[in-house]
Amino acid sequence: MLTVNFAKLDLPPGAYVLDAGCGAGRHLSQAFRFNGVNVVGIDRNKKDADIANRTLNVMRHENEDGRGGKLVCTSDITRLPFPDESFDVVICSEVLEHIPDHKKAIEEITRVLKPGKSLVVSVPRYLPERICWFLSEDYHREEGGHIRIYRKRELITLLENAGTKCIDTDRAHSLHSPYWWLKCLVGHKNDESPPVKLYHRFLVWDIIKKPLLTRALDKMLNPFISKSIVLYLKKGDQYGT
């Protein structure tokens, strides 16, 4: 399930892409398909980083990659182990809401991005996330969970103050919001609840089959209950605009 629209990114052969907080590699593996694109993924969770690395290895073995370079490692987004201006694209999807020092994380992902190049950031959208917090205390108080809810303008201001300019926004995954509301109602880790299991089966079917009806429904509902807000930004010269 992709949150980032890769059609909005410039990924020519030889480009370097960083997925900061890559998790199990959903966006990393998509970037790896582009011809000659080099991908780097970092995540604090070693288990997730290992899964992402194995996925890229399988893609290479099955000739599903674009024959670019790859690196996946365990690292802290607030202390990225890369020189200034190393990447042509930086993706940071569903990460900042977990980070106590989110301003330092934003400073770092901007630092390693080349001037004039693309930064993509996504976070949970305010209203659907607020409903989750209202329905479940455990949802946002568990270790490693979501520690803040962003308003759109607040996040844009934080990112633009770090030397970027927001050029486009998007909303994604409206059909996923009711799933999380259900989980929060019955216990956000209660995957055995019949309604939760049924809705999860529907989401898996939708992701795999991509039927036109649900794609249209998702697009129609995104302005109202999208799970995520996606920001597309460009870095200015020398951290300016």
Protein backbone atom coordinates (compact mmCIF):
# COMPACT_ATOMS: atom_id res chain seq x y z
CA MET A 1 0.00 0.00 0.00
CA LEU A 2 1.69 3.16 -1.23
CA THR A 3 1.04 6.55 0.32
CA VAL A 4 3.45 8.45 -1.92
CA ASN A 5 2.53 9.06 -5.56
CA PHE A 6 5.75 8.29 -7.43
CA ALA A 7 4.38 9.87 -10.59
CA LYS A 8 5.01 13.21 -8.87
CA LEU A 9 8.72 12.51 -8.35
CA ASP A 10 11.65 12.92 -10.70
CA LEU A 11 13.59 9.64 -10.61
CA PRO A 12 16.06 9.49 -13.53
CA PRO A 13 18.75 6.80 -13.75
CA GLY A 14 21.47 7.49 -11.21
CA ALA A 15 19.19 9.27 -8.73
CA TYR A 16 19.65 8.55 -5.02
CA VAL A 17 16.52 8.05 -2.91
CA LEU A 18 16.42 7.94 0.89
CA ASP A 19 13.44 6.38 2.64
CA ALA A 20 13.85 7.72 6.17
CA GLY A 21 11.92 5.38 8.44
CA CYS A 22 11.44 2.80 5.70
CA GLY A 23 9.70 0.19 7.88
CA ALA A 24 9.36 -3.08 5.97
CA GLY A 25 10.14 -1.27 2.70
CA ARG A 26 6.87 -0.49 0.91
CA HIS A 27 8.12 2.80 -0.61
CA LEU A 28 11.73 1.66 -0.78
CA SER A 29 10.83 -1.32 -2.95
CA GLN A 30 8.74 0.86 -5.28
CA ALA A 31 11.65 3.27 -5.81
CA PHE A 32 13.91 0.26 -6.42
CA ARG A 33 11.85 -0.62 -9.52
CA PHE A 34 12.88 2.55 -11.34
CA ASN A 35 15.64 2.20 -13.91
CA GLY A 36 19.06 2.84 -12.40
CA VAL A 37 17.72 4.44 -9.21
CA ASN A 38 19.82 3.88 -6.09
CA VAL A 39 17.87 3.39 -2.87
CA VAL A 40 18.82 3.78 0.77
CA GLY A 41 16.51 2.81 3.61
CA ILE A 42 16.96 3.49 7.31
CA ASP A 43 14.83 2.43 10.24
CA ARG A 44 15.38 2.23 14.00
CA ASN A 45 13.62 -1.14 14.07
CA LYS A 46 16.20 -3.73 13.01
CA LYS A 47 13.53 -6.35 12.31
CA ASP A 48 11.76 -4.05 9.85
CA ALA A 49 15.05 -3.01 8.24
CA ASP A 50 15.97 -6.69 7.76
CA ILE A 51 12.59 -7.38 6.12
CA ALA A 52 13.10 -4.43 3.76
CA ASN A 53 16.57 -5.66 2.83
CA ARG A 54 15.30 -9.19 2.15
CA THR A 55 12.53 -7.78 -0.03
CA LEU A 56 15.05 -5.88 -2.16
CA ASN A 57 17.19 -9.01 -2.44
CA VAL A 58 14.20 -11.01 -3.67
CA MET A 59 13.35 -8.28 -6.19
CA ARG A 60 16.90 -8.38 -7.53
CA HIS A 61 16.85 -12.16 -7.74
CA GLU A 62 13.55 -12.07 -9.62
CA ASN A 63 14.73 -9.25 -11.92
CA GLU A 64 12.03 -6.92 -10.63
CA ASP A 65 14.45 -4.10 -9.81
CA GLY A 66 15.89 -1.33 -11.95
CA ARG A 67 19.48 -2.52 -11.37
CA GLY A 68 20.37 0.43 -9.15
CA GLY A 69 22.34 0.23 -5.92
CA LYS A 70 20.79 -0.49 -2.54
CA LEU A 71 21.55 -0.09 1.14
CA VAL A 72 19.31 -0.75 4.14
CA CYS A 73 20.56 -0.09 7.65
CA THR A 74 19.43 0.52 11.21
CA SER A 75 19.74 4.21 12.05
CA ASP A 76 18.14 7.09 13.95
CA ILE A 77 16.39 9.69 11.80
CA THR A 78 17.58 12.45 14.14
CA ARG A 79 21.22 11.48 13.45
CA LEU A 80 21.43 10.43 9.82
CA PRO A 81 24.85 8.96 8.91
CA PHE A 82 25.05 10.70 5.52
CA PRO A 83 26.87 13.82 4.25
CA ASP A 84 25.02 17.03 3.44
CA GLU A 85 23.14 17.09 0.12
CA SER A 86 23.49 13.36 -0.62
CA PHE A 87 20.03 12.55 -2.01
CA ASP A 88 17.84 13.54 -4.94
CA VAL A 89 14.63 12.44 -3.18
CA VAL A 90 13.88 11.94 0.51
CA ILE A 91 10.72 10.14 1.61
CA CYS A 92 9.54 10.28 5.22
CA SER A 93 6.18 8.51 5.41
CA GLU A 94 4.22 8.01 8.65
CA VAL A 95 7.30 8.65 10.80
CA LEU A 96 7.33 12.16 12.32
CA GLU A 97 4.29 11.49 14.52
CA HIS A 98 6.43 8.91 16.39
CA ILE A 99 9.52 11.10 16.97
CA PRO A 100 9.93 13.09 20.21
CA ASP A 101 12.45 15.49 18.64
CA HIS A 102 10.60 15.92 15.37
CA LYS A 103 12.25 19.27 14.63
CA LYS A 104 15.67 17.60 14.67
CA ALA A 105 14.35 14.85 12.38
CA ILE A 106 13.06 17.48 9.93
CA GLU A 107 16.41 19.28 10.09
CA GLU A 108 18.21 16.03 9.24
CA ILE A 109 16.04 14.93 6.31
CA THR A 110 16.41 18.43 4.88
CA ARG A 111 20.16 18.51 5.45
CA VAL A 112 20.83 15.37 3.40
CA LEU A 113 18.62 16.50 0.48
CA LYS A 114 20.19 18.27 -2.49
CA PRO A 115 19.02 21.83 -3.24
CA GLY A 116 16.11 21.94 -5.67
CA LYS A 117 15.21 18.30 -5.03
CA SER A 118 12.08 16.63 -3.64
CA LEU A 119 11.06 15.86 -0.09
CA VAL A 120 7.86 13.89 0.52
CA VAL A 121 6.36 13.74 4.00
CA SER A 122 3.17 12.01 5.09
CA VAL A 123 1.53 11.85 8.52
CA PRO A 124 -1.88 10.80 9.83
CA ARG A 125 -4.51 13.42 9.02
CA TYR A 126 -5.83 15.45 11.94
CA LEU A 127 -9.53 14.50 12.16
CA PRO A 128 -9.32 10.71 11.61
CA GLU A 129 -6.36 10.55 13.99
CA ARG A 130 -8.18 12.62 16.62
CA ILE A 131 -11.07 10.14 16.47
CA CYS A 132 -8.62 7.28 17.11
CA TRP A 133 -7.22 9.09 20.14
CA PHE A 134 -10.74 9.72 21.45
CA LEU A 135 -11.74 6.07 21.07
CA SER A 136 -8.61 4.53 22.62
CA GLU A 137 -6.10 5.70 25.20
CA ASP A 138 -3.83 2.74 24.49
CA TYR A 139 -3.66 3.57 20.78
CA HIS A 140 -1.49 6.63 21.36
CA ARG A 141 0.10 5.88 24.73
CA GLU A 142 1.91 2.66 23.92
CA GLU A 143 5.69 2.73 23.56
CA GLY A 144 6.68 3.78 20.06
CA GLY A 145 3.17 4.95 19.25
CA HIS A 146 1.87 8.24 17.93
CA ILE A 147 2.81 11.05 20.30
CA ARG A 148 1.31 14.01 18.43
CA ILE A 149 -1.34 14.95 15.90
CA TYR A 150 -0.43 17.46 13.21
CA ARG A 151 -2.61 20.08 11.66
CA LYS A 152 -1.76 20.55 8.00
CA ARG A 153 -0.65 24.17 8.29
CA GLU A 154 1.47 23.41 11.37
CA LEU A 155 3.41 20.69 9.53
CA ILE A 156 3.88 22.78 6.40
CA THR A 157 5.27 25.62 8.54
CA LEU A 158 7.73 23.28 10.29
CA LEU A 159 8.98 21.92 6.98
CA GLU A 160 9.18 25.31 5.25
CA ASN A 161 11.06 26.78 8.21
CA ALA A 162 13.66 24.05 7.60
CA GLY A 163 14.32 25.34 4.09
CA THR A 164 11.73 23.74 1.85
CA LYS A 165 8.71 24.94 -0.08
CA CYS A 166 5.45 22.98 -0.20
CA ILE A 167 4.40 22.66 -3.84
CA ASP A 168 1.60 20.11 -3.63
CA THR A 169 -0.55 18.20 -1.13
CA ASP A 170 -2.55 15.02 -1.33
CA ARG A 171 -4.80 12.84 0.82
CA ALA A 172 -4.72 9.06 0.91
CA HIS A 173 -6.34 5.90 2.27
CA SER A 174 -9.83 7.02 3.26
CA LEU A 175 -10.98 3.39 3.32
CA HIS A 176 -8.41 2.67 6.03
CA SER A 177 -9.78 5.16 8.55
CA PRO A 178 -12.87 3.10 9.51
CA TYR A 179 -10.61 0.09 10.00
CA TRP A 180 -8.58 1.93 12.64
CA TRP A 181 -11.70 3.32 14.27
CA LEU A 182 -12.99 -0.24 14.58
CA LYS A 183 -9.69 -1.37 16.08
CA CYS A 184 -9.71 1.45 18.59
CA LEU A 185 -13.26 0.54 19.63
CA VAL A 186 -12.50 -3.14 20.31
CA GLY A 187 -8.87 -2.75 21.39
CA HIS A 188 -6.29 -1.57 18.87
CA LYS A 189 -4.34 -4.84 19.11
CA ASN A 190 -7.40 -7.08 19.05
CA ASP A 191 -6.99 -8.52 15.57
CA GLU A 192 -9.36 -11.41 16.35
CA SER A 193 -12.47 -9.25 16.57
CA PRO A 194 -14.85 -10.46 13.81
CA PRO A 195 -15.60 -6.95 12.45
CA VAL A 196 -11.88 -6.13 12.40
CA LYS A 197 -11.01 -9.40 10.65
CA LEU A 198 -13.75 -8.86 8.08
CA TYR A 199 -12.68 -5.30 7.33
CA HIS A 200 -9.04 -6.36 7.11
CA ARG A 201 -9.97 -8.99 4.52
CA PHE A 202 -11.74 -6.27 2.55
CA LEU A 203 -8.67 -4.00 2.65
CA VAL A 204 -6.34 -6.79 1.54
CA TRP A 205 -8.70 -7.62 -1.33
CA ASP A 206 -8.86 -3.96 -2.30
CA ILE A 207 -5.06 -3.55 -2.26
CA ILE A 208 -4.51 -6.66 -4.38
CA LYS A 209 -7.38 -6.36 -6.84
CA LYS A 210 -7.71 -2.56 -7.08
CA PRO A 211 -11.31 -2.66 -8.33
CA LEU A 212 -12.56 0.50 -10.00
CA LEU A 213 -15.48 0.85 -7.59
CA THR A 214 -13.36 0.99 -4.42
CA ARG A 215 -10.73 3.18 -6.12
CA ALA A 216 -13.49 5.65 -6.98
CA LEU A 217 -14.94 5.42 -3.49
CA ASP A 218 -11.54 6.00 -1.89
CA LYS A 219 -10.98 9.07 -4.07
CA MET A 220 -14.44 10.42 -3.28
CA LEU A 221 -13.99 10.01 0.49
CA ASN A 222 -10.38 11.24 0.72
CA PRO A 223 -11.35 14.92 1.19
CA PHE A 224 -13.35 13.93 4.27
CA ILE A 225 -11.82 10.91 6.05
CA SER A 226 -8.42 10.23 4.46
CA LYS A 227 -6.09 8.46 6.88
CA SER A 228 -3.01 10.34 5.66
CA ILE A 229 -2.01 13.77 4.46
CA VAL A 230 0.90 13.84 1.98
CA LEU A 231 3.10 16.89 1.38
CA TYR A 232 5.35 17.30 -1.66
CA LEU A 233 8.12 19.84 -1.12
CA LYS A 234 11.25 21.21 -2.80
CA LYS A 235 14.40 22.25 -0.99
CA GLY A 236 15.72 25.73 -1.70
CA ASP A 237 19.35 26.66 -2.29
CA GLN A 238 21.45 26.65 0.86
CA TYR A 239 18.38 25.94 2.99
CA GLY A 240 16.68 29.00 1.55
CA THR A 241 13.66 29.16 -0.73
